[in-house]
C-alpha atoms as a PDB file:
ATOM      1  CA  MET A   1      64.511  22.437 -25.474  1.00  0.00           C
ATOM      2  CA  SER A   2      62.035  22.316 -23.095  1.00  0.00           C
ATOM      3  CA  GLN A   3      60.689  18.614 -22.238  1.00  0.00           C
ATOM      4  CA  SER A   4      57.453  17.675 -23.799  1.00  0.00           C
ATOM      5  CA  PRO A   5      54.540  16.923 -21.137  1.00  0.00           C
ATOM      6  CA  PHE A   6      53.609  13.840 -23.229  1.00  0.00           C
ATOM      7  CA  PRO A   7      55.365  10.411 -22.895  1.00  0.00           C
ATOM      8  CA  SER A   8      57.535   9.280 -25.421  1.00  0.00           C
ATOM      9  CA  ALA A   9      56.477   5.879 -27.269  1.00  0.00           C
ATOM     10  CA  GLY A  10      60.090   4.817 -26.147  1.00  0.00           C
ATOM     11  CA  HIS A  11      59.241   5.127 -22.772  1.00  0.00           C
ATOM     12  CA  LEU A  12      55.818   3.639 -22.991  1.00  0.00           C
ATOM     13  CA  GLN A  13      57.713   0.560 -24.682  1.00  0.00           C
ATOM     14  CA  ARG A  14      60.259   0.416 -21.839  1.00  0.00           C
ATOM     15  CA  ALA A  15      57.860   1.104 -19.144  1.00  0.00           C
ATOM     16  CA  GLY A  16      53.915   0.165 -20.100  1.00  0.00           C
ATOM     17  CA  VAL A  17      51.325   2.444 -19.794  1.00  0.00           C
ATOM     18  CA  TRP A  18      51.339   4.338 -16.972  1.00  0.00           C
ATOM     19  CA  VAL A  19      49.256   7.488 -15.673  1.00  0.00           C
ATOM     20  CA  GLU A  20      51.434   9.789 -13.529  1.00  0.00           C
ATOM     21  CA  SER A  21      50.520  13.145 -12.570  1.00  0.00           C
ATOM     22  CA  ASP A  22      50.937  16.276 -10.156  1.00  0.00           C
ATOM     23  CA  GLN A  23      49.874  19.647  -9.306  1.00  0.00           C
ATOM     24  CA  GLN A  24      51.283  21.363 -12.198  1.00  0.00           C
ATOM     25  CA  LYS A  25      50.330  18.629 -14.834  1.00  0.00           C
ATOM     26  CA  ASP A  26      46.809  18.374 -13.610  1.00  0.00           C
ATOM     27  CA  ALA A  27      46.794  22.151 -13.852  1.00  0.00           C
ATOM     28  CA  ALA A  28      47.959  22.362 -17.385  1.00  0.00           C
ATOM     29  CA  ARG A  29      46.083  19.620 -18.718  1.00  0.00           C
ATOM     30  CA  ALA A  30      42.773  20.676 -16.935  1.00  0.00           C
ATOM     31  CA  LEU A  31      42.935  23.397 -19.157  1.00  0.00           C
ATOM     32  CA  GLU A  32      43.497  21.439 -21.976  1.00  0.00           C
ATOM     33  CA  ALA A  33      40.425  19.497 -21.179  1.00  0.00           C
ATOM     34  CA  LEU A  34      38.604  22.429 -20.435  1.00  0.00           C
ATOM     35  CA  HIS A  35      38.844  24.171 -24.043  1.00  0.00           C
ATOM     36  CA  SER A  36      37.659  20.795 -25.478  1.00  0.00           C
ATOM     37  CA  GLN A  37      34.654  21.076 -23.555  1.00  0.00           C
ATOM     38  CA  LEU A  38      33.791  24.817 -24.051  1.00  0.00           C
ATOM     39  CA  ILE A  39      34.022  23.851 -27.842  1.00  0.00           C
ATOM     40  CA  GLY A  40      31.491  21.538 -27.615  1.00  0.00           C
ATOM     41  CA  ALA A  41      29.394  23.894 -25.828  1.00  0.00           C
ATOM     42  CA  VAL A  42      29.269  25.828 -29.121  1.00  0.00           C
ATOM     43  CA  ILE A  43      27.762  23.229 -30.584  1.00  0.00           C
ATOM     44  CA  ASP A  44      25.738  21.156 -27.913  1.00  0.00           C
ATOM     45  CA  PRO A  45      24.890  23.483 -24.797  1.00  0.00           C
ATOM     46  CA  TYR A  46      24.409  20.434 -22.791  1.00  0.00           C
ATOM     47  CA  SER A  47      28.344  20.099 -22.507  1.00  0.00           C
ATOM     48  CA  TRP A  48      28.350  23.040 -20.008  1.00  0.00           C
ATOM     49  CA  LYS A  49      27.802  20.413 -17.458  1.00  0.00           C
ATOM     50  CA  TRP A  50      31.074  19.353 -18.248  1.00  0.00           C
ATOM     51  CA  VAL A  51      32.672  23.027 -18.996  1.00  0.00           C
ATOM     52  CA  LEU A  52      31.587  23.460 -15.251  1.00  0.00           C
ATOM     53  CA  ILE A  53      32.566  20.056 -13.774  1.00  0.00           C
ATOM     54  CA  THR A  54      36.148  20.550 -15.709  1.00  0.00           C
ATOM     55  CA  LEU A  55      36.435  24.133 -14.607  1.00  0.00           C
ATOM     56  CA  TYR A  56      36.135  23.501 -11.116  1.00  0.00           C
ATOM     57  CA  HIS A  57      38.828  20.928 -11.184  1.00  0.00           C
ATOM     58  CA  ALA A  58      41.077  23.372 -13.352  1.00  0.00           C
ATOM     59  CA  VAL A  59      40.822  26.253 -10.359  1.00  0.00           C
ATOM     60  CA  LEU A  60      41.432  23.718  -7.767  1.00  0.00           C
ATOM     61  CA  ALA A  61      44.191  22.266  -8.973  1.00  0.00           C
ATOM     62  CA  PHE A  62      45.970  26.035  -9.486  1.00  0.00           C
ATOM     63  CA  VAL A  63      44.670  26.903  -6.084  1.00  0.00           C
ATOM     64  CA  VAL A  64      46.712  23.690  -4.681  1.00  0.00           C
ATOM     65  CA  ALA A  65      49.880  23.895  -6.882  1.00  0.00           C
ATOM     66  CA  SER A  66      50.091  27.759  -5.380  1.00  0.00           C
ATOM     67  CA  LEU A  67      49.528  26.496  -2.003  1.00  0.00           C
ATOM     68  CA  ASP A  68      51.974  23.396  -2.212  1.00  0.00           C
ATOM     69  CA  GLY A  69      54.816  25.560  -3.915  1.00  0.00           C
ATOM     70  CA  GLY A  70      53.991  23.312  -7.016  1.00  0.00           C
ATOM     71  CA  ARG A  71      57.106  21.283  -6.574  1.00  0.00           C
ATOM     72  CA  PRO A  72      56.843  17.814  -8.886  1.00  0.00           C
ATOM     73  CA  ALA A  73      55.638  14.894  -7.210  1.00  0.00           C
ATOM     74  CA  PRO A  74      58.437  12.273  -5.541  1.00  0.00           C
ATOM     75  CA  GLU A  75      59.403   9.331  -7.867  1.00  0.00           C
ATOM     76  CA  VAL A  76      57.305   6.270  -6.613  1.00  0.00           C
ATOM     77  CA  GLU A  77      57.881   3.188  -8.461  1.00  0.00           C
ATOM     78  CA  PRO A  78      54.980   1.254  -9.953  1.00  0.00           C
ATOM     79  CA  GLY A  79      54.058  -1.407  -7.695  1.00  0.00           C
ATOM     80  CA  GLU A  80      51.932  -4.855  -8.272  1.00  0.00           C
ATOM     81  CA  ARG A  81      48.752  -2.901  -7.326  1.00  0.00           C
ATOM     82  CA  THR A  82      47.580   0.328  -8.489  1.00  0.00           C
ATOM     83  CA  LEU A  83      49.067   3.494  -7.558  1.00  0.00           C
ATOM     84  CA  GLN A  84      47.806   5.830  -4.992  1.00  0.00           C
ATOM     85  CA  PRO A  85      47.665   9.689  -5.064  1.00  0.00           C
ATOM     86  CA  HIS A  86      50.525  10.703  -2.979  1.00  0.00           C
ATOM     87  CA  PHE A  87      51.291  14.367  -1.270  1.00  0.00           C
ATOM     88  CA  GLY A  88      54.249  15.999  -0.880  1.00  0.00           C
ATOM     89  CA  SER A  89      55.472  17.734   2.356  1.00  0.00           C
ATOM     90  CA  ASP A  90      53.516  20.974   1.844  1.00  0.00           C
ATOM     91  CA  HIS A  91      50.342  19.556  -0.040  1.00  0.00           C
ATOM     92  CA  PRO A  92      46.859  20.907   2.148  1.00  0.00           C
ATOM     93  CA  GLY A  93      46.416  17.257   2.549  1.00  0.00           C
ATOM     94  CA  ARG A  94      43.364  14.697   1.589  1.00  0.00           C
ATOM     95  CA  GLY A  95      40.651  16.286   2.802  1.00  0.00           C
ATOM     96  CA  THR A  96      37.296  14.917   3.736  1.00  0.00           C
ATOM     97  CA  ASP A  97      35.122  17.848   2.901  1.00  0.00           C
ATOM     98  CA  ALA A  98      32.965  16.777  -0.542  1.00  0.00           C
ATOM     99  CA  ASP A  99      34.077  20.156  -1.859  1.00  0.00           C
ATOM    100  CA  PRO A 100      37.087  21.554  -0.995  1.00  0.00           C
ATOM    101  CA  LEU A 101      37.546  24.365  -3.233  1.00  0.00           C
ATOM    102  CA  PRO A 102      36.109  27.528  -0.784  1.00  0.00           C
ATOM    103  CA  GLN A 103      38.511  26.488   1.927  1.00  0.00           C
ATOM    104  CA  ARG A 104      41.459  26.421   0.063  1.00  0.00           C
ATOM    105  CA  TYR A 105      40.455  29.175  -2.432  1.00  0.00           C
ATOM    106  CA  GLU A 106      40.831  31.483   0.927  1.00  0.00           C
ATOM    107  CA  ALA A 107      43.729  29.944   1.842  1.00  0.00           C
ATOM    108  CA  MET A 108      45.024  30.913  -1.357  1.00  0.00           C
ATOM    109  CA  LYS A 109      43.922  34.480  -0.948  1.00  0.00           C
ATOM    110  CA  ALA A 110      45.604  34.836   2.454  1.00  0.00           C
ATOM    111  CA  LYS A 111      48.868  33.375   1.188  1.00  0.00           C
ATOM    112  CA  THR A 112      49.084  35.073  -2.087  1.00  0.00           C
ATOM    113  CA  GLY A 113      47.513  38.491  -1.204  1.00  0.00           C
ATOM    114  CA  PHE A 114      44.990  38.072  -4.139  1.00  0.00           C
ATOM    115  CA  ALA A 115      42.271  40.213  -3.869  1.00  0.00           C
ATOM    116  CA  PRO A 116      39.579  39.648  -6.412  1.00  0.00           C
ATOM    117  CA  ARG A 117      36.448  41.879  -7.400  1.00  0.00           C
ATOM    118  CA  PRO A 118      33.575  40.537  -5.220  1.00  0.00           C
ATOM    119  CA  ASP A 119      31.879  39.465  -8.025  1.00  0.00           C
ATOM    120  CA  VAL A 120      34.767  36.931  -8.800  1.00  0.00           C
ATOM    121  CA  ASP A 121      34.369  35.349  -5.085  1.00  0.00           C
ATOM    122  CA  GLU A 122      30.601  34.793  -6.164  1.00  0.00           C
ATOM    123  CA  ASP A 123      31.504  33.250  -9.224  1.00  0.00           C
ATOM    124  CA  ILE A 124      33.851  31.105  -7.732  1.00  0.00           C
ATOM    125  CA  ALA A 125      31.296  30.223  -5.207  1.00  0.00           C
ATOM    126  CA  ARG A 126      28.856  29.811  -7.818  1.00  0.00           C
ATOM    127  CA  LEU A 127      31.272  27.317  -9.390  1.00  0.00           C
ATOM    128  CA  SER A 128      31.376  25.506  -6.487  1.00  0.00           C
ATOM    129  CA  GLN A 129      27.748  24.826  -5.914  1.00  0.00           C
ATOM    130  CA  TYR A 130      26.962  23.795  -9.270  1.00  0.00           C
ATOM    131  CA  ARG A 131      29.887  21.296  -9.627  1.00  0.00           C
ATOM    132  CA  THR A 132      28.533  19.425  -6.424  1.00  0.00           C
ATOM    133  CA  ALA A 133      24.957  19.636  -8.389  1.00  0.00           C
ATOM    134  CA  LEU A 134      25.951  18.320 -11.324  1.00  0.00           C
ATOM    135  CA  GLU A 135      28.687  15.899 -10.218  1.00  0.00           C
ATOM    136  CA  LEU A 136      28.007  14.913  -6.604  1.00  0.00           C
ATOM    137  CA  ASP A 137      24.485  15.191  -6.193  1.00  0.00           C
ATOM    138  CA  LEU A 138      23.596  13.716  -9.475  1.00  0.00           C
ATOM    139  CA  PRO A 139      19.879  15.123  -9.610  1.00  0.00           C
ATOM    140  CA  THR A 140      17.464  13.613 -11.295  1.00  0.00           C
ATOM    141  CA  GLY A 141      16.965  16.974 -13.495  1.00  0.00           C
ATOM    142  CA  TRP A 142      18.617  19.791 -13.546  1.00  0.00           C
ATOM    143  CA  LEU A 143      18.190  23.333 -15.417  1.00  0.00           C
ATOM    144  CA  LEU A 144      21.125  25.876 -15.936  1.00  0.00           C
ATOM    145  CA  GLN A 145      20.951  29.422 -17.466  1.00  0.00           C
ATOM    146  CA  VAL A 146      23.510  29.217 -20.058  1.00  0.00           C
ATOM    147  CA  LYS A 147      23.825  33.305 -20.488  1.00  0.00           C
ATOM    148  CA  GLU A 148      25.250  33.525 -17.264  1.00  0.00           C
ATOM    149  CA  LEU A 149      27.883  30.696 -17.628  1.00  0.00           C
ATOM    150  CA  PRO A 150      30.411  32.232 -19.686  1.00  0.00           C
ATOM    151  CA  GLY A 151      30.791  35.619 -17.108  1.00  0.00           C
ATOM    152  CA  ILE A 152      31.303  32.571 -14.425  1.00  0.00           C
ATOM    153  CA  SER A 153      33.970  30.814 -16.601  1.00  0.00           C
ATOM    154  CA  ARG A 154      35.699  33.944 -16.984  1.00  0.00           C
ATOM    155  CA  SER A 155      36.076  34.745 -13.101  1.00  0.00           C
ATOM    156  CA  ALA A 156      37.736  31.376 -12.770  1.00  0.00           C
ATOM    157  CA  LEU A 157      40.184  32.251 -15.351  1.00  0.00           C
ATOM    158  CA  ARG A 158      41.293  34.808 -14.048  1.00  0.00           C
ATOM    159  CA  VAL A 159      42.137  33.155 -11.008  1.00  0.00           C
ATOM    160  CA  ILE A 160      43.955  30.838 -13.056  1.00  0.00           C
ATOM    161  CA  GLU A 161      45.471  33.387 -14.685  1.00  0.00           C
ATOM    162  CA  TYR A 162      46.640  35.476 -11.520  1.00  0.00           C
ATOM    163  CA  LEU A 163      48.079  32.101 -10.010  1.00  0.00           C
ATOM    164  CA  GLY A 164      49.676  30.625 -13.310  1.00  0.00           C
ATOM    165  CA  TRP A 165      51.471  33.261 -14.929  1.00  0.00           C
ATOM    166  CA  SER A 166      49.903  36.852 -14.083  1.00  0.00           C
ATOM    167  CA  PRO A 167      51.865  37.749 -11.820  1.00  0.00           C
ATOM    168  CA  GLY A 168      52.121  34.336 -11.434  1.00  0.00           C
ATOM    169  CA  LYS A 169      51.936  32.317  -7.987  1.00  0.00           C
ATOM    170  CA  ILE A 170      53.616  28.909  -9.397  1.00  0.00           C
ATOM    171  CA  PRO A 171      57.342  28.334 -10.094  1.00  0.00           C
ATOM    172  CA  TRP A 172      56.754  26.184 -12.925  1.00  0.00           C
ATOM    173  CA  TYR A 173      59.295  23.246 -13.052  1.00  0.00           C
ATOM    174  CA  ARG A 174      58.629  22.557 -16.759  1.00  0.00           C
ATOM    175  CA  GLU A 175      58.136  24.963 -19.597  1.00  0.00           C
ATOM    176  CA  SER A 176      56.219  22.966 -21.415  1.00  0.00           C
ATOM    177  CA  LEU A 177      53.392  22.912 -18.789  1.00  0.00           C
ATOM    178  CA  ILE A 178      53.107  26.720 -18.641  1.00  0.00           C
ATOM    179  CA  ASP A 179      52.996  27.279 -22.358  1.00  0.00           C
ATOM    180  CA  LEU A 180      50.417  24.458 -22.468  1.00  0.00           C
ATOM    181  CA  ALA A 181      48.375  26.476 -19.892  1.00  0.00           C
ATOM    182  CA  ARG A 182      48.864  30.135 -21.417  1.00  0.00           C
ATOM    183  CA  VAL A 183      47.321  28.797 -24.564  1.00  0.00           C
ATOM    184  CA  LYS A 184      44.269  26.685 -23.579  1.00  0.00           C
ATOM    185  CA  HIS A 185      43.549  29.788 -21.461  1.00  0.00           C
ATOM    186  CA  LEU A 186      43.663  32.322 -24.263  1.00  0.00           C
ATOM    187  CA  ALA A 187      41.729  29.656 -26.394  1.00  0.00           C
ATOM    188  CA  SER A 188      39.198  29.207 -23.802  1.00  0.00           C
ATOM    189  CA  MET A 189      38.616  32.867 -23.602  1.00  0.00           C
ATOM    190  CA  ASN A 190      38.180  33.010 -27.119  1.00  0.00           C
ATOM    191  CA  VAL A 191      35.829  30.594 -27.183  1.00  0.00           C
ATOM    192  CA  LEU A 192      33.811  32.149 -24.352  1.00  0.00           C
ATOM    193  CA  ASP A 193      33.224  35.349 -26.633  1.00  0.00           C
ATOM    194  CA  ALA A 194      32.129  33.117 -29.456  1.00  0.00           C
ATOM    195  CA  LEU A 195      29.570  32.025 -26.948  1.00  0.00           C
ATOM    196  CA  ASP A 196      28.775  35.375 -25.397  1.00  0.00           C
ATOM    197  CA  ARG A 197      27.751  36.229 -29.296  1.00  0.00           C
ATOM    198  CA  GLN A 198      26.067  33.039 -29.950  1.00  0.00           C
ATOM    199  CA  TYR A 199      23.797  33.702 -26.942  1.00  0.00           C
ATOM    200  CA  GLN A 200      23.360  37.762 -27.709  1.00  0.00           C
ATOM    201  CA  GLN A 201      21.784  36.635 -31.186  1.00  0.00           C
ATOM    202  CA  LYS A 202      19.750  34.330 -29.502  1.00  0.00           C
ATOM    203  CA  SER A 203      18.070  36.248 -27.069  1.00  0.00           C
END
């Protein structure tokens, strides 16, 4: 039986409440968060802001896991102060760039041989631009054309699918994580189909 990605009640009672993650858990749980935000976008188009931010995080997490080899993080004992992020020996390291995705995306393509259609590369670039504008620049106002966003999201999910399992460039160490990622990936694609139909009816 595969180990659950969620801590048990007994573990929380023994160790207290700590949040620990690594590249693979971040990748799978980002898809879980993405699905939740996409459901929100069906009801309220404003949720697209959080969809784009979450989707950026998901793509970056899968890219980093593919570059790092996806090994679990080393064991770190809780100290007196808040735990700081720690990096494996092959991790690309803490970047100084406010937008690390473009450089790491190109490094991933060089390492894995990923050769997407030009429109996928263009959509990943737009995703980076939107995330920077919405999360880092904190504009006083913004306007998004929602009809194009399902297409950008599908391109990002194609990258994730390639890295995650088809054909797969991440050696998953826990079956429950890849199961979670695949389920939420499919569910997110289904929501994108529903959003496309909704926008076509309104056009």
